[in-house]
C-alpha cells in the first residue's frame, strides 16, 4: 500500500494525557490499515514547551524515535534528554511522558505494539 502525506489523517490534541499545549498526530497508517498488532504508527509534532503527560502502557509497548528537536523523557522514573536518533521503549505496565524542552519543534515517530 502506498500512501501520500496528504492522504494521512492528521489530528490535533490539546493537553494530551494532561500534558501542556497542542500535539499534532499524523497517522501514517491507521490500525485498520495494518494487519499486524499495531495500535499506532504516527509522526508526532510538539511545539516548544508542549508535552504528552504521564501515562502507562499495559499489555502493549510504545516506541518514541526522535527525528528532530530536543525532548525530556520520563521513562518509568528514568529522566533523560533525547536528541535526533535517540529512542525510548516503554511497556509492560511502565509509564512515560515526553516534553519538548528545546526551541524548535520536536518531531518523533510513535509506534504502539500490542501484546498477544
Protein backbone atom coordinates (compact mmCIF):
# COMPACT_ATOMS: atom_id res chain seq x y z
CA UNK A 1 0.00 0.00 0.00
CA UNK A 2 1.32 3.41 -0.96
CA UNK A 3 0.10 6.50 0.83
CA UNK A 4 0.79 10.18 0.14
CA UNK A 5 1.23 12.52 3.10
CA UNK A 6 -1.86 14.50 2.16
CA UNK A 7 -3.91 11.27 2.48
CA UNK A 8 -2.74 10.60 6.04
CA UNK A 9 -5.20 11.53 8.77
CA UNK A 10 -3.99 14.45 10.89
CA UNK A 11 -5.36 15.36 14.29
CA UNK A 12 -4.55 17.96 16.93
CA UNK A 13 -4.92 17.02 20.60
CA UNK A 14 -4.93 19.66 23.31
CA UNK A 15 -3.31 18.84 26.66
CA UNK A 16 -2.77 15.21 25.61
CA UNK A 17 -2.72 12.92 28.65
CA UNK A 18 -2.86 16.08 30.82
CA UNK A 19 0.24 17.44 29.13
CA UNK A 20 0.84 21.03 28.00
CA UNK A 21 -0.17 22.69 24.73
CA UNK A 22 -1.03 21.04 21.43
CA UNK A 23 0.17 17.79 19.91
CA UNK A 24 -0.12 17.12 16.18
CA UNK A 25 -0.50 13.45 15.23
CA UNK A 26 -0.17 12.40 11.59
CA UNK A 27 -1.35 8.79 11.31
CA UNK A 28 0.95 7.23 8.73
CA UNK A 29 -1.12 4.05 8.76
CA UNK A 30 -4.19 3.53 10.94
CA UNK A 31 -4.80 0.41 13.00
CA UNK A 32 -7.46 -0.66 10.47
CA UNK A 33 -4.94 -0.48 7.61
CA UNK A 34 -2.39 -2.71 9.37
CA UNK A 35 -2.55 -6.49 9.59
CA UNK A 36 -0.08 -6.77 12.48
CA UNK A 37 -0.75 -5.96 16.12
CA UNK A 38 -0.01 -2.26 15.96
CA UNK A 39 -2.32 0.33 17.57
CA UNK A 40 -0.42 3.45 16.45
CA UNK A 41 2.10 4.27 13.75
CA UNK A 42 2.38 8.04 13.55
CA UNK A 43 4.55 11.11 13.21
CA UNK A 44 4.07 13.31 16.27
CA UNK A 45 4.96 17.01 16.49
CA UNK A 46 5.15 19.02 19.71
CA UNK A 47 5.92 22.74 19.67
CA UNK A 48 8.34 24.28 22.20
CA UNK A 49 7.02 23.81 25.74
CA UNK A 50 4.37 21.26 24.69
CA UNK A 51 4.18 17.79 26.21
CA UNK A 52 2.38 14.47 26.40
CA UNK A 53 1.62 13.81 30.07
CA UNK A 54 2.43 10.73 32.11
CA UNK A 55 0.61 7.57 31.04
CA UNK A 56 1.02 3.82 31.48
CA UNK A 57 1.22 1.10 28.82
CA UNK A 58 -0.40 -2.16 29.92
CA UNK A 59 -0.41 -5.13 27.54
CA UNK A 60 1.39 -3.00 24.94
CA UNK A 61 4.61 -1.11 24.36
CA UNK A 62 5.32 2.29 22.82
CA UNK A 63 8.43 3.36 20.96
CA UNK A 64 9.41 7.01 20.52
CA UNK A 65 12.11 7.66 17.91
CA UNK A 66 13.30 11.28 17.84
CA UNK A 67 13.55 12.77 14.32
CA UNK A 68 14.29 16.40 15.23
CA UNK A 69 14.33 18.68 18.25
CA UNK A 70 15.12 18.09 21.92
CA UNK A 71 12.98 16.08 24.32
CA UNK A 72 12.96 15.40 28.02
CA UNK A 73 11.52 11.93 28.63
CA UNK A 74 10.49 10.38 31.93
CA UNK A 75 10.64 6.63 31.29
CA UNK A 76 9.31 4.99 34.45
CA UNK A 77 11.31 7.39 36.65
CA UNK A 78 14.42 7.50 34.45
CA UNK A 79 14.51 11.14 33.22
CA UNK A 80 16.75 11.75 30.20
CA UNK A 81 17.30 14.25 27.41
CA UNK A 82 16.84 12.79 23.93
CA UNK A 83 18.02 14.20 20.61
CA UNK A 84 17.63 13.12 16.96
CA UNK A 85 18.47 9.44 16.52
CA UNK A 86 17.67 8.57 20.16
CA UNK A 87 14.79 6.24 21.08
CA UNK A 88 12.86 5.04 24.11
CA UNK A 89 10.77 1.88 24.60
CA UNK A 90 8.12 1.79 27.34
CA UNK A 91 5.73 -1.07 28.06
CA UNK A 92 4.68 -3.98 30.24
CA UNK A 93 2.98 -1.74 32.83
CA UNK A 94 5.64 1.01 32.85
CA UNK A 95 4.85 4.71 32.43
CA UNK A 96 6.35 7.58 30.47
CA UNK A 97 5.92 11.22 29.46
CA UNK A 98 7.67 13.46 26.94
CA UNK A 99 8.17 17.21 26.72
CA UNK A 100 9.69 19.49 24.10
CA UNK A 101 12.37 21.32 26.07
CA UNK A 102 14.00 22.86 23.02
CA UNK A 103 13.38 26.00 20.98
CA UNK A 104 12.23 24.26 17.77
CA UNK A 105 9.52 21.69 17.06
CA UNK A 106 10.06 18.22 18.47
CA UNK A 107 9.23 15.63 15.80
CA UNK A 108 9.14 11.91 16.58
CA UNK A 109 7.83 8.63 15.31
CA UNK A 110 5.50 6.91 17.75
CA UNK A 111 4.63 3.22 17.42
CA UNK A 112 2.40 1.26 19.81
CA UNK A 113 2.66 -2.52 19.53
CA UNK A 114 0.08 -4.77 21.21
CA UNK A 115 0.97 -7.90 23.15
CA UNK A 116 -0.80 -11.17 22.29
